[in-house]
Amino acid sequence: MLDSRPLLLILVFTPFFVLAHNDISETIKALTTRIETKPTADLYYQRGTEFRALQQKAHAIEDLESALKIELHNRHALVALVQLYETNKRAKALISRYQKFAKTKEEKFEAHYLLASYNAKLGLFEQASSQCDTLHLIRPSEDPALDLFHAGLLLKLQRPNEAATILKKSLNRTKSIVVRNNWIDAALTAGQTKAVLPIIEKELSSSRFRSSWLIRRARASLILKRKEAAQADL
């Protein structure tokens, strides 16, 4: 007998996606009408983000570029374009423009962060890491995203001790579970078992998600040359 469950799932979920697509299409039509009447940078930006939601990258870029033609320093359109251009040289030019007109602490941080991210995408990890050193000095908040990004770069550069140090400082400030888990992994890569084993053992005694913690304990055991203990956890 044919299993009706897949068909049921299609019937249940398809209308949602169709409606979502139709809603975006209707929004684009409404924005197009307003643009034809009186084009503004904000309207082009809004329509560009709708095209991006539909994964119509070429249309999104065209609208966001139009927004910048009307308003040269439109921050939202510029940042969205940098993200869409990814490693294209046009992204670098836009970042340079942003750095020149950035005035507030938040804008200066964002422009510099975009440059570090751009270099990281190009595989220029050393350069991106150096730019993160500057970002730590001008950060406008305690959001740990910068710490996680910088630590990731340092791990790619085979500098786990530095990565662990950054994440430990971030953990002390933010008390973030995500940061804590990343710090434990970086510390294990750096061979710092003494600092993290008590936390791993505590999690194994209470956590429902034991598999990831068993892997971490196995890593610690291998560092401590306890091969049998590692095999027991894997």
C-alpha atoms as a PDB file:
ATOM      1  CA  MET A   1       0.000   0.000   0.000  1.00  0.00           C
ATOM      2  CA  LEU A   2       1.264   3.470  -0.910  1.00  0.00           C
ATOM      3  CA  ASP A   3       2.484   5.456   2.088  1.00  0.00           C
ATOM      4  CA  SER A   4       0.328   8.586   2.267  1.00  0.00           C
ATOM      5  CA  ARG A   5       2.593  10.440   4.723  1.00  0.00           C
ATOM      6  CA  PRO A   6       4.892  12.077   2.114  1.00  0.00           C
ATOM      7  CA  LEU A   7       1.821  13.288   0.208  1.00  0.00           C
ATOM      8  CA  LEU A   8       0.310  14.623   3.426  1.00  0.00           C
ATOM      9  CA  LEU A   9       3.495  16.551   4.179  1.00  0.00           C
ATOM     10  CA  ILE A  10       3.438  18.041   0.682  1.00  0.00           C
ATOM     11  CA  LEU A  11      -0.181  19.100   1.093  1.00  0.00           C
ATOM     12  CA  VAL A  12       0.506  20.609   4.504  1.00  0.00           C
ATOM     13  CA  PHE A  13       3.697  22.517   3.733  1.00  0.00           C
ATOM     14  CA  THR A  14       3.452  23.466   0.057  1.00  0.00           C
ATOM     15  CA  PRO A  15       0.789  26.170   0.585  1.00  0.00           C
ATOM     16  CA  PHE A  16       3.074  27.929   3.074  1.00  0.00           C
ATOM     17  CA  PHE A  17       5.952  28.165   0.593  1.00  0.00           C
ATOM     18  CA  VAL A  18       3.640  29.164  -2.244  1.00  0.00           C
ATOM     19  CA  LEU A  19       2.058  31.861  -0.101  1.00  0.00           C
ATOM     20  CA  ALA A  20       5.466  33.106   1.039  1.00  0.00           C
ATOM     21  CA  HIS A  21       6.642  33.320  -2.584  1.00  0.00           C
ATOM     22  CA  ASN A  22       3.422  35.066  -3.614  1.00  0.00           C
ATOM     23  CA  ASP A  23       3.716  37.527  -0.722  1.00  0.00           C
ATOM     24  CA  ILE A  24       7.228  38.519  -1.822  1.00  0.00           C
ATOM     25  CA  SER A  25       6.115  38.811  -5.452  1.00  0.00           C
ATOM     26  CA  GLU A  26       3.234  41.059  -4.435  1.00  0.00           C
ATOM     27  CA  THR A  27       5.601  43.180  -2.350  1.00  0.00           C
ATOM     28  CA  ILE A  28       7.922  43.536  -5.356  1.00  0.00           C
ATOM     29  CA  LYS A  29       4.985  44.612  -7.550  1.00  0.00           C
ATOM     30  CA  ALA A  30       3.947  47.233  -5.008  1.00  0.00           C
ATOM     31  CA  LEU A  31       7.503  48.539  -4.685  1.00  0.00           C
ATOM     32  CA  THR A  32       7.885  48.637  -8.482  1.00  0.00           C
ATOM     33  CA  THR A  33       4.777  50.815  -8.749  1.00  0.00           C
ATOM     34  CA  ARG A  34       6.168  53.220  -6.161  1.00  0.00           C
ATOM     35  CA  ILE A  35       9.597  53.276  -7.846  1.00  0.00           C
ATOM     36  CA  GLU A  36       8.010  54.105 -11.207  1.00  0.00           C
ATOM     37  CA  THR A  37       6.176  56.997  -9.559  1.00  0.00           C
ATOM     38  CA  LYS A  38       9.007  58.378  -7.429  1.00  0.00           C
ATOM     39  CA  PRO A  39      12.240  56.357  -7.154  1.00  0.00           C
ATOM     40  CA  THR A  40      14.206  56.631  -3.908  1.00  0.00           C
ATOM     41  CA  ALA A  41      17.263  54.846  -2.540  1.00  0.00           C
ATOM     42  CA  ASP A  42      15.176  53.277   0.216  1.00  0.00           C
ATOM     43  CA  LEU A  43      12.623  51.861  -2.245  1.00  0.00           C
ATOM     44  CA  TYR A  44      15.357  50.339  -4.396  1.00  0.00           C
ATOM     45  CA  TYR A  45      16.969  48.898  -1.265  1.00  0.00           C
ATOM     46  CA  GLN A  46      13.676  47.367  -0.137  1.00  0.00           C
ATOM     47  CA  ARG A  47      13.013  45.801  -3.532  1.00  0.00           C
ATOM     48  CA  GLY A  48      16.601  44.578  -3.715  1.00  0.00           C
ATOM     49  CA  THR A  49      16.228  42.736  -0.415  1.00  0.00           C
ATOM     50  CA  GLU A  50      13.009  41.136  -1.685  1.00  0.00           C
ATOM     51  CA  PHE A  51      14.800  39.936  -4.817  1.00  0.00           C
ATOM     52  CA  ARG A  52      17.559  38.560  -2.599  1.00  0.00           C
ATOM     53  CA  ALA A  53      14.944  36.640  -0.593  1.00  0.00           C
ATOM     54  CA  LEU A  54      13.853  35.050  -3.884  1.00  0.00           C
ATOM     55  CA  GLN A  55      17.535  34.271  -4.623  1.00  0.00           C
ATOM     56  CA  GLN A  56      17.405  36.490  -7.709  1.00  0.00           C
ATOM     57  CA  LYS A  57      20.925  37.790  -7.191  1.00  0.00           C
ATOM     58  CA  ALA A  58      21.277  39.745 -10.446  1.00  0.00           C
ATOM     59  CA  HIS A  59      18.060  41.709  -9.847  1.00  0.00           C
ATOM     60  CA  ALA A  60      19.034  42.297  -6.215  1.00  0.00           C
ATOM     61  CA  ILE A  61      22.440  43.701  -7.201  1.00  0.00           C
ATOM     62  CA  GLU A  62      20.887  45.908  -9.881  1.00  0.00           C
ATOM     63  CA  ASP A  63      18.449  47.457  -7.394  1.00  0.00           C
ATOM     64  CA  LEU A  64      21.047  47.942  -4.676  1.00  0.00           C
ATOM     65  CA  GLU A  65      23.412  49.606  -7.154  1.00  0.00           C
ATOM     66  CA  SER A  66      20.514  51.878  -8.167  1.00  0.00           C
ATOM     67  CA  ALA A  67      20.051  52.786  -4.504  1.00  0.00           C
ATOM     68  CA  LEU A  68      23.705  53.845  -4.298  1.00  0.00           C
ATOM     69  CA  LYS A  69      23.417  55.941  -7.463  1.00  0.00           C
ATOM     70  CA  ILE A  70      20.673  57.952  -5.772  1.00  0.00           C
ATOM     71  CA  GLU A  71      22.276  57.988  -2.327  1.00  0.00           C
ATOM     72  CA  LEU A  72      26.034  57.435  -2.501  1.00  0.00           C
ATOM     73  CA  HIS A  73      26.424  56.698   1.214  1.00  0.00           C
ATOM     74  CA  ASN A  74      23.388  54.480   1.776  1.00  0.00           C
ATOM     75  CA  ARG A  75      24.809  52.200   4.457  1.00  0.00           C
ATOM     76  CA  HIS A  76      22.194  49.447   4.226  1.00  0.00           C
ATOM     77  CA  ALA A  77      22.417  49.101   0.445  1.00  0.00           C
ATOM     78  CA  LEU A  78      26.208  49.157   0.578  1.00  0.00           C
ATOM     79  CA  VAL A  79      26.473  46.409   3.201  1.00  0.00           C
ATOM     80  CA  ALA A  80      23.938  44.245   1.352  1.00  0.00           C
ATOM     81  CA  LEU A  81      25.922  44.660  -1.871  1.00  0.00           C
ATOM     82  CA  VAL A  82      29.199  43.697  -0.211  1.00  0.00           C
ATOM     83  CA  GLN A  83      27.555  40.497   1.011  1.00  0.00           C
ATOM     84  CA  LEU A  84      26.190  39.703  -2.449  1.00  0.00           C
ATOM     85  CA  TYR A  85      29.448  40.436  -4.281  1.00  0.00           C
ATOM     86  CA  GLU A  86      31.373  38.178  -1.852  1.00  0.00           C
ATOM     87  CA  THR A  87      34.958  37.966  -3.241  1.00  0.00           C
ATOM     88  CA  ASN A  88      34.351  40.189  -6.273  1.00  0.00           C
ATOM     89  CA  LYS A  89      36.637  43.250  -6.475  1.00  0.00           C
ATOM     90  CA  ARG A  90      33.535  45.440  -6.454  1.00  0.00           C
ATOM     91  CA  ALA A  91      33.034  44.407  -2.814  1.00  0.00           C
ATOM     92  CA  LYS A  92      36.488  45.755  -1.912  1.00  0.00           C
ATOM     93  CA  ALA A  93      35.712  49.086  -3.599  1.00  0.00           C
ATOM     94  CA  LEU A  94      32.437  49.394  -1.689  1.00  0.00           C
ATOM     95  CA  ILE A  95      34.148  48.606   1.610  1.00  0.00           C
ATOM     96  CA  SER A  96      36.737  51.313   0.910  1.00  0.00           C
ATOM     97  CA  ARG A  97      33.922  53.776   0.246  1.00  0.00           C
ATOM     98  CA  TYR A  98      32.241  52.827   3.520  1.00  0.00           C
ATOM     99  CA  GLN A  99      35.479  53.281   5.458  1.00  0.00           C
ATOM    100  CA  LYS A 100      35.803  56.821   4.104  1.00  0.00           C
ATOM    101  CA  PHE A 101      32.333  58.013   5.123  1.00  0.00           C
ATOM    102  CA  ALA A 102      31.931  55.994   8.347  1.00  0.00           C
ATOM    103  CA  LYS A 103      31.601  58.400  11.279  1.00  0.00           C
ATOM    104  CA  THR A 104      30.090  56.625  14.275  1.00  0.00           C
ATOM    105  CA  LYS A 105      31.848  53.915  16.256  1.00  0.00           C
ATOM    106  CA  GLU A 106      29.327  51.361  14.988  1.00  0.00           C
ATOM    107  CA  GLU A 107      29.896  52.341  11.349  1.00  0.00           C
ATOM    108  CA  LYS A 108      33.686  52.263  11.662  1.00  0.00           C
ATOM    109  CA  PHE A 109      33.498  48.841  13.297  1.00  0.00           C
ATOM    110  CA  GLU A 110      31.143  47.486  10.634  1.00  0.00           C
ATOM    111  CA  ALA A 111      33.276  48.782   7.749  1.00  0.00           C
ATOM    112  CA  HIS A 112      36.435  47.273   9.221  1.00  0.00           C
ATOM    113  CA  TYR A 113      34.642  43.993   9.983  1.00  0.00           C
ATOM    114  CA  LEU A 114      33.457  43.783   6.367  1.00  0.00           C
ATOM    115  CA  LEU A 115      37.067  44.168   5.217  1.00  0.00           C
ATOM    116  CA  ALA A 116      38.289  41.430   7.562  1.00  0.00           C
ATOM    117  CA  SER A 117      35.494  39.122   6.376  1.00  0.00           C
ATOM    118  CA  TYR A 118      36.310  39.900   2.746  1.00  0.00           C
ATOM    119  CA  ASN A 119      39.976  39.020   3.259  1.00  0.00           C
ATOM    120  CA  ALA A 120      39.021  35.834   5.101  1.00  0.00           C
ATOM    121  CA  LYS A 121      36.874  34.756   2.133  1.00  0.00           C
ATOM    122  CA  LEU A 122      39.910  35.291  -0.094  1.00  0.00           C
ATOM    123  CA  GLY A 123      41.958  33.034   2.186  1.00  0.00           C
ATOM    124  CA  LEU A 124      44.042  35.935   3.519  1.00  0.00           C
ATOM    125  CA  PHE A 125      43.747  34.694   7.092  1.00  0.00           C
ATOM    126  CA  GLU A 126      46.827  36.455   8.469  1.00  0.00           C
ATOM    127  CA  GLN A 127      45.650  39.798   7.139  1.00  0.00           C
ATOM    128  CA  ALA A 128      42.116  39.234   8.414  1.00  0.00           C
ATOM    129  CA  SER A 129      43.443  38.240  11.836  1.00  0.00           C
ATOM    130  CA  SER A 130      45.521  41.427  12.077  1.00  0.00           C
ATOM    131  CA  GLN A 131      42.425  43.439  11.208  1.00  0.00           C
ATOM    132  CA  CYS A 132      40.585  41.675  14.032  1.00  0.00           C
ATOM    133  CA  ASP A 133      43.216  43.019  16.452  1.00  0.00           C
ATOM    134  CA  THR A 134      42.087  46.518  15.466  1.00  0.00           C
ATOM    135  CA  LEU A 135      38.430  45.541  15.675  1.00  0.00           C
ATOM    136  CA  HIS A 136      38.836  44.485  19.310  1.00  0.00           C
ATOM    137  CA  LEU A 137      39.902  48.058  20.102  1.00  0.00           C
ATOM    138  CA  ILE A 138      36.919  49.727  18.434  1.00  0.00           C
ATOM    139  CA  ARG A 139      34.160  47.193  19.128  1.00  0.00           C
ATOM    140  CA  PRO A 140      30.907  48.961  20.075  1.00  0.00           C
ATOM    141  CA  SER A 141      29.461  46.115  22.162  1.00  0.00           C
ATOM    142  CA  GLU A 142      30.257  42.841  23.923  1.00  0.00           C
ATOM    143  CA  ASP A 143      28.714  40.731  21.141  1.00  0.00           C
ATOM    144  CA  PRO A 144      30.970  37.632  20.928  1.00  0.00           C
ATOM    145  CA  ALA A 145      30.672  37.311  17.128  1.00  0.00           C
ATOM    146  CA  LEU A 146      34.030  39.046  16.658  1.00  0.00           C
ATOM    147  CA  ASP A 147      35.731  36.725  19.164  1.00  0.00           C
ATOM    148  CA  LEU A 148      34.363  33.624  17.430  1.00  0.00           C
ATOM    149  CA  PHE A 149      35.379  34.951  14.008  1.00  0.00           C
ATOM    150  CA  HIS A 150      38.895  35.870  15.165  1.00  0.00           C
ATOM    151  CA  ALA A 151      39.394  32.547  16.946  1.00  0.00           C
ATOM    152  CA  GLY A 152      38.323  30.704  13.802  1.00  0.00           C
ATOM    153  CA  LEU A 153      40.975  32.558  11.812  1.00  0.00           C
ATOM    154  CA  LEU A 154      43.660  31.754  14.379  1.00  0.00           C
ATOM    155  CA  LEU A 155      42.755  28.068  14.262  1.00  0.00           C
ATOM    156  CA  LYS A 156      43.145  28.120  10.480  1.00  0.00           C
ATOM    157  CA  LEU A 157      46.554  29.715  11.038  1.00  0.00           C
ATOM    158  CA  GLN A 158      47.491  26.837  13.382  1.00  0.00           C
ATOM    159  CA  ARG A 159      47.577  29.129  16.434  1.00  0.00           C
ATOM    160  CA  PRO A 160      45.187  27.351  18.828  1.00  0.00           C
ATOM    161  CA  ASN A 161      46.697  28.809  22.017  1.00  0.00           C
ATOM    162  CA  GLU A 162      45.861  32.331  20.870  1.00  0.00           C
ATOM    163  CA  ALA A 163      42.394  31.225  19.779  1.00  0.00           C
ATOM    164  CA  ALA A 164      41.754  29.655  23.188  1.00  0.00           C
ATOM    165  CA  THR A 165      42.943  32.814  24.972  1.00  0.00           C
ATOM    166  CA  ILE A 166      40.570  35.037  22.989  1.00  0.00           C
ATOM    167  CA  LEU A 167      37.633  32.711  23.611  1.00  0.00           C
ATOM    168  CA  LYS A 168      38.387  32.376  27.338  1.00  0.00           C
ATOM    169  CA  LYS A 169      38.389  36.167  27.720  1.00  0.00           C
ATOM    170  CA  SER A 170      35.158  36.328  25.727  1.00  0.00           C
ATOM    171  CA  LEU A 171      33.605  33.656  27.954  1.00  0.00           C
ATOM    172  CA  ASN A 172      34.544  35.604  31.075  1.00  0.00           C
ATOM    173  CA  ARG A 173      32.776  38.664  29.639  1.00  0.00           C
ATOM    174  CA  THR A 174      29.720  37.154  27.974  1.00  0.00           C
ATOM    175  CA  LYS A 175      29.030  33.854  29.800  1.00  0.00           C
ATOM    176  CA  SER A 176      27.907  32.536  26.403  1.00  0.00           C
ATOM    177  CA  ILE A 177      27.430  28.765  26.060  1.00  0.00           C
ATOM    178  CA  VAL A 178      28.408  28.959  22.375  1.00  0.00           C
ATOM    179  CA  VAL A 179      31.645  30.716  23.293  1.00  0.00           C
ATOM    180  CA  ARG A 180      32.291  28.222  26.098  1.00  0.00           C
ATOM    181  CA  ASN A 181      31.968  25.217  23.790  1.00  0.00           C
ATOM    182  CA  ASN A 182      34.197  26.825  21.169  1.00  0.00           C
ATOM    183  CA  TRP A 183      36.765  27.659  23.859  1.00  0.00           C
ATOM    184  CA  ILE A 184      36.786  24.021  25.021  1.00  0.00           C
ATOM    185  CA  ASP A 185      37.394  22.815  21.458  1.00  0.00           C
ATOM    186  CA  ALA A 186      40.168  25.366  20.893  1.00  0.00           C
ATOM    187  CA  ALA A 187      41.747  24.512  24.250  1.00  0.00           C
ATOM    188  CA  LEU A 188      41.750  20.815  23.353  1.00  0.00           C
ATOM    189  CA  THR A 189      43.392  21.614  20.023  1.00  0.00           C
ATOM    190  CA  ALA A 190      46.015  23.526  21.998  1.00  0.00           C
ATOM    191  CA  GLY A 191      46.474  20.555  24.348  1.00  0.00           C
ATOM    192  CA  GLN A 192      45.060  22.400  27.370  1.00  0.00           C
ATOM    193  CA  THR A 193      43.289  19.400  28.883  1.00  0.00           C
ATOM    194  CA  LYS A 194      43.616  20.424  32.532  1.00  0.00           C
ATOM    195  CA  ALA A 195      41.505  23.542  32.025  1.00  0.00           C
ATOM    196  CA  VAL A 196      38.609  21.829  30.276  1.00  0.00           C
ATOM    197  CA  LEU A 197      38.376  18.220  31.515  1.00  0.00           C
ATOM    198  CA  PRO A 198      36.390  19.122  34.674  1.00  0.00           C
ATOM    199  CA  ILE A 199      33.799  20.911  32.507  1.00  0.00           C
ATOM    200  CA  ILE A 200      33.605  17.957  30.122  1.00  0.00           C
ATOM    201  CA  GLU A 201      33.096  15.498  32.994  1.00  0.00           C
ATOM    202  CA  LYS A 202      30.383  17.699  34.505  1.00  0.00           C
ATOM    203  CA  GLU A 203      28.534  17.901  31.192  1.00  0.00           C
ATOM    204  CA  LEU A 204      28.734  14.127  30.758  1.00  0.00           C
ATOM    205  CA  SER A 205      27.099  13.634  34.134  1.00  0.00           C
ATOM    206  CA  SER A 206      24.175  15.950  33.402  1.00  0.00           C
ATOM    207  CA  SER A 207      23.784  16.684  29.685  1.00  0.00           C
ATOM    208  CA  ARG A 208      21.281  14.900  27.451  1.00  0.00           C
ATOM    209  CA  PHE A 209      23.566  15.504  24.470  1.00  0.00           C
ATOM    210  CA  ARG A 210      26.356  13.162  25.468  1.00  0.00           C
ATOM    211  CA  SER A 211      27.837  12.309  22.059  1.00  0.00           C
ATOM    212  CA  SER A 212      29.651  15.612  21.497  1.00  0.00           C
ATOM    213  CA  TRP A 213      31.002  15.546  25.061  1.00  0.00           C
ATOM    214  CA  LEU A 214      32.193  11.958  24.689  1.00  0.00           C
ATOM    215  CA  ILE A 215      34.114  13.019  21.591  1.00  0.00           C
ATOM    216  CA  ARG A 216      35.675  15.889  23.535  1.00  0.00           C
ATOM    217  CA  ARG A 217      36.687  13.562  26.369  1.00  0.00           C
ATOM    218  CA  ALA A 218      38.161  11.144  23.835  1.00  0.00           C
ATOM    219  CA  ARG A 219      40.212  13.993  22.381  1.00  0.00           C
ATOM    220  CA  ALA A 220      41.482  14.846  25.854  1.00  0.00           C
ATOM    221  CA  SER A 221      42.351  11.196  26.495  1.00  0.00           C
ATOM    222  CA  LEU A 222      44.355  11.002  23.282  1.00  0.00           C
ATOM    223  CA  ILE A 223      46.299  14.124  24.268  1.00  0.00           C
ATOM    224  CA  LEU A 224      47.017  12.489  27.638  1.00  0.00           C
ATOM    225  CA  LYS A 225      48.047   9.283  25.808  1.00  0.00           C
ATOM    226  CA  ARG A 226      45.156   7.276  27.272  1.00  0.00           C
ATOM    227  CA  LYS A 227      44.333   5.377  24.107  1.00  0.00           C
ATOM    228  CA  GLU A 228      42.037   2.784  25.695  1.00  0.00           C
ATOM    229  CA  ALA A 229      39.973   5.454  27.458  1.00  0.00           C
ATOM    230  CA  ALA A 230      39.621   7.336  24.173  1.00  0.00           C
ATOM    231  CA  GLN A 231      38.476   4.197  22.350  1.00  0.00           C
ATOM    232  CA  ALA A 232      35.889   3.529  25.062  1.00  0.00           C
ATOM    233  CA  ASP A 233      34.313   6.943  24.455  1.00  0.00           C
ATOM    234  CA  LEU A 234      34.249   6.681  20.665  1.00  0.00           C
END
